[in-house]
Amino acid sequence: MAKINASAFTKDIDFAELEKINSQVEDNAKKLDSMVSNIVNQYCLSLNKVMREIKNVLDQSIPPSDGELDKWSCELSNCLYFTGEGAEGIGVRKDLSKAYQQTKFNDAYDTAEGTIGDKTTAGENASQQEYLVNSIYSRAYKLCQYNLDAGNEQLQSIKKIISRRMGSYMLSIHDKSEFKGEE
């Protein structure tokens, strides 16, 4: 377990320095988030478009029509196929970026002098950019997987609604035929 620097908590806090660090973190986070979003949008754009369309209809508090449900069922199935293919592409890039990071770390570790701690620090410092690239692809992969899972859940919900409506329709036909005395 890492030691906590207790003296840092007994001194006056430099809020100007904290604001400066926080600002740098926010600026860098925005740039990295943008990179992640660009990767995810490349593969999830059509799925997100269908999900937004469904949300817009549901927000109107009017039950979707049978035609809309049929359309969404087909569209979601198609989008999920291509989004899954994209997720695999992101996964390959995630694995490659991890390999680049590890190679850069190992090269710096092997050439560094000193203790194991010194060598580890050298490896970590040398591979920071590769770490960030790997982090970008890892987050993009997770977001793409999340979109796939949410799309699958939505598709299953649509299928259940279609089945329930079909059951109600069949029951109403059966009830009408009994009312007329038909069998």
Protein backbone atom coordinates (compact mmCIF):
# COMPACT_ATOMS: atom_id res chain seq x y z
CA MET A 1 0.00 0.00 0.00
CA ALA A 2 1.28 3.45 -0.92
CA LYS A 3 2.34 5.77 1.85
CA ILE A 4 0.32 8.94 2.28
CA ASN A 5 2.35 12.11 2.52
CA ALA A 6 0.84 13.43 5.74
CA SER A 7 2.86 16.64 5.56
CA ALA A 8 0.94 17.64 2.44
CA PHE A 9 -2.22 17.82 4.53
CA THR A 10 -0.68 19.89 7.31
CA LYS A 11 0.54 22.71 5.04
CA ASP A 12 -1.49 25.45 3.48
CA ILE A 13 -3.12 24.27 0.29
CA ASP A 14 -2.10 26.16 -2.85
CA PHE A 15 -5.51 26.57 -4.46
CA ALA A 16 -4.04 28.42 -7.43
CA GLU A 17 -1.86 25.40 -8.17
CA LEU A 18 -4.86 23.08 -7.71
CA GLU A 19 -6.87 25.16 -10.19
CA LYS A 20 -3.99 25.09 -12.67
CA ILE A 21 -3.68 21.30 -12.41
CA ASN A 22 -7.44 20.84 -12.61
CA SER A 23 -7.58 23.05 -15.71
CA GLN A 24 -4.84 20.99 -17.38
CA VAL A 25 -6.66 17.76 -16.50
CA GLU A 26 -9.94 19.12 -17.91
CA ASP A 27 -8.26 20.33 -21.12
CA ASN A 28 -6.53 17.01 -21.68
CA ALA A 29 -9.66 15.05 -20.78
CA LYS A 30 -11.67 16.98 -23.38
CA LYS A 31 -9.10 16.14 -26.04
CA LEU A 32 -8.98 12.46 -25.08
CA ASP A 33 -12.79 12.28 -24.82
CA SER A 34 -12.99 13.75 -28.30
CA MET A 35 -10.64 11.09 -29.64
CA VAL A 36 -12.67 8.34 -27.96
CA SER A 37 -15.92 9.80 -29.34
CA ASN A 38 -14.50 9.96 -32.86
CA ILE A 39 -13.56 6.28 -32.73
CA VAL A 40 -16.89 5.20 -31.24
CA ASN A 41 -18.92 7.33 -33.67
CA GLN A 42 -17.08 5.77 -36.59
CA TYR A 43 -18.57 2.38 -35.68
CA CYS A 44 -21.72 3.20 -33.69
CA LEU A 45 -23.21 6.11 -35.64
CA SER A 46 -25.99 4.12 -37.36
CA LEU A 47 -26.87 2.27 -34.14
CA ASN A 48 -27.01 5.53 -32.19
CA LYS A 49 -29.21 7.06 -34.91
CA VAL A 50 -31.77 4.25 -34.58
CA MET A 51 -31.64 4.39 -30.77
CA ARG A 52 -32.27 8.17 -30.87
CA GLU A 53 -35.19 7.67 -33.26
CA ILE A 54 -36.71 5.13 -30.85
CA LYS A 55 -36.15 7.49 -27.92
CA ASN A 56 -37.83 10.37 -29.76
CA VAL A 57 -40.92 8.27 -30.45
CA LEU A 58 -41.05 6.97 -26.88
CA ASP A 59 -40.66 10.51 -25.49
CA GLN A 60 -43.94 11.44 -27.22
CA SER A 61 -45.80 9.03 -24.91
CA ILE A 62 -47.58 7.51 -27.91
CA PRO A 63 -47.11 3.77 -28.31
CA PRO A 64 -45.05 3.00 -31.41
CA SER A 65 -46.93 1.59 -34.37
CA ASP A 66 -46.52 -2.00 -35.54
CA GLY A 67 -44.74 -0.67 -38.61
CA GLU A 68 -42.27 1.27 -36.49
CA LEU A 69 -41.56 -1.79 -34.35
CA ASP A 70 -40.98 -3.96 -37.43
CA LYS A 71 -38.70 -1.32 -38.95
CA TRP A 72 -36.70 -0.91 -35.75
CA SER A 73 -36.37 -4.65 -35.33
CA CYS A 74 -34.79 -4.96 -38.77
CA GLU A 75 -32.68 -1.81 -38.43
CA LEU A 76 -31.36 -2.74 -35.01
CA SER A 77 -30.41 -6.24 -36.14
CA ASN A 78 -28.51 -4.78 -39.08
CA CYS A 79 -26.84 -2.04 -37.04
CA LEU A 80 -25.80 -4.50 -34.34
CA TYR A 81 -24.11 -6.69 -36.93
CA PHE A 82 -21.97 -3.84 -38.28
CA THR A 83 -21.36 -2.33 -34.84
CA GLY A 84 -20.13 -5.73 -33.62
CA GLU A 85 -17.76 -5.86 -36.57
CA GLY A 86 -16.54 -2.39 -35.62
CA ALA A 87 -16.06 -3.40 -32.00
CA GLU A 88 -13.74 -6.16 -33.16
CA GLY A 89 -11.75 -3.60 -35.15
CA ILE A 90 -11.43 -1.41 -32.07
CA GLY A 91 -10.40 -4.48 -30.07
CA VAL A 92 -7.57 -5.19 -32.52
CA ARG A 93 -6.34 -1.61 -32.18
CA LYS A 94 -6.61 -1.86 -28.39
CA ASP A 95 -4.46 -5.01 -28.42
CA LEU A 96 -1.90 -3.45 -30.76
CA SER A 97 -1.67 -0.27 -28.71
CA LYS A 98 -1.10 -2.39 -25.60
CA ALA A 99 1.70 -4.24 -27.41
CA TYR A 100 3.30 -0.92 -28.46
CA GLN A 101 3.07 0.31 -24.88
CA GLN A 102 4.63 -2.85 -23.50
CA THR A 103 7.43 -2.79 -26.09
CA LYS A 104 8.25 0.84 -25.31
CA PHE A 105 8.18 0.09 -21.58
CA ASN A 106 10.42 -2.97 -21.96
CA ASP A 107 12.94 -1.14 -24.17
CA ALA A 108 13.28 1.68 -21.64
CA TYR A 109 13.36 -0.77 -18.73
CA ASP A 110 16.13 -2.82 -20.35
CA THR A 111 18.33 0.18 -21.11
CA ALA A 112 17.81 1.96 -17.77
CA GLU A 113 20.38 1.71 -15.02
CA GLY A 114 19.76 1.45 -11.32
CA THR A 115 17.38 -0.40 -9.10
CA ILE A 116 14.25 -2.23 -10.23
CA GLY A 117 12.27 0.80 -9.09
CA ASP A 118 14.46 3.09 -11.21
CA LYS A 119 14.03 0.82 -14.24
CA THR A 120 10.26 0.62 -13.71
CA THR A 121 10.03 4.40 -13.46
CA ALA A 122 12.05 4.77 -16.66
CA GLY A 123 9.79 2.29 -18.45
CA GLU A 124 6.62 4.01 -17.26
CA ASN A 125 7.91 7.46 -18.18
CA ALA A 126 8.98 6.31 -21.63
CA SER A 127 5.65 4.66 -22.42
CA GLN A 128 3.24 7.37 -21.22
CA GLN A 129 2.03 8.34 -24.70
CA GLU A 130 1.51 4.69 -25.63
CA TYR A 131 -0.39 4.24 -22.38
CA LEU A 132 -2.72 7.07 -23.35
CA VAL A 133 -3.31 5.61 -26.82
CA ASN A 134 -4.13 2.26 -25.23
CA SER A 135 -6.43 4.00 -22.77
CA ILE A 136 -8.25 5.71 -25.65
CA TYR A 137 -8.84 2.41 -27.46
CA SER A 138 -9.81 0.64 -24.23
CA ARG A 139 -12.44 3.24 -23.48
CA ALA A 140 -13.68 3.27 -27.08
CA TYR A 141 -13.99 -0.52 -26.98
CA LYS A 142 -15.94 -0.40 -23.71
CA LEU A 143 -18.28 2.28 -25.07
CA CYS A 144 -18.83 0.33 -28.27
CA GLN A 145 -19.58 -2.80 -26.24
CA TYR A 146 -21.97 -0.78 -24.07
CA ASN A 147 -23.77 0.43 -27.21
CA LEU A 148 -23.98 -3.14 -28.48
CA ASP A 149 -25.43 -4.33 -25.17
CA ALA A 150 -27.95 -1.47 -25.03
CA GLY A 151 -28.92 -2.10 -28.67
CA ASN A 152 -29.44 -5.79 -27.96
CA GLU A 153 -31.58 -4.97 -24.93
CA GLN A 154 -33.65 -2.58 -27.04
CA LEU A 155 -34.06 -5.22 -29.75
CA GLN A 156 -35.20 -7.81 -27.19
CA SER A 157 -37.72 -5.33 -25.79
CA ILE A 158 -39.08 -4.65 -29.27
CA LYS A 159 -39.39 -8.38 -29.95
CA LYS A 160 -41.35 -8.82 -26.69
CA ILE A 161 -43.71 -5.99 -27.61
CA ILE A 162 -44.26 -7.48 -31.07
CA SER A 163 -44.95 -10.91 -29.52
CA ARG A 164 -47.35 -9.45 -26.98
CA ARG A 165 -49.21 -7.52 -29.68
CA MET A 166 -49.40 -10.63 -31.85
CA GLY A 167 -50.80 -12.58 -28.91
CA SER A 168 -53.38 -9.88 -28.22
CA TYR A 169 -54.31 -9.77 -31.90
CA MET A 170 -54.71 -13.55 -32.06
CA LEU A 171 -56.78 -13.51 -28.86
CA SER A 172 -59.05 -10.80 -30.23
CA ILE A 173 -59.58 -12.78 -33.47
CA HIS A 174 -60.36 -15.88 -31.42
CA ASP A 175 -62.76 -13.93 -29.18
CA LYS A 176 -64.56 -12.46 -32.21
CA SER A 177 -64.95 -15.86 -33.82
CA GLU A 178 -66.43 -17.29 -30.59
CA PHE A 179 -68.78 -14.33 -30.36
CA LYS A 180 -70.06 -15.05 -33.88
CA GLY A 181 -70.35 -18.72 -33.01
CA GLU A 182 -67.51 -19.80 -35.29
CA GLU A 183 -64.75 -22.20 -34.36
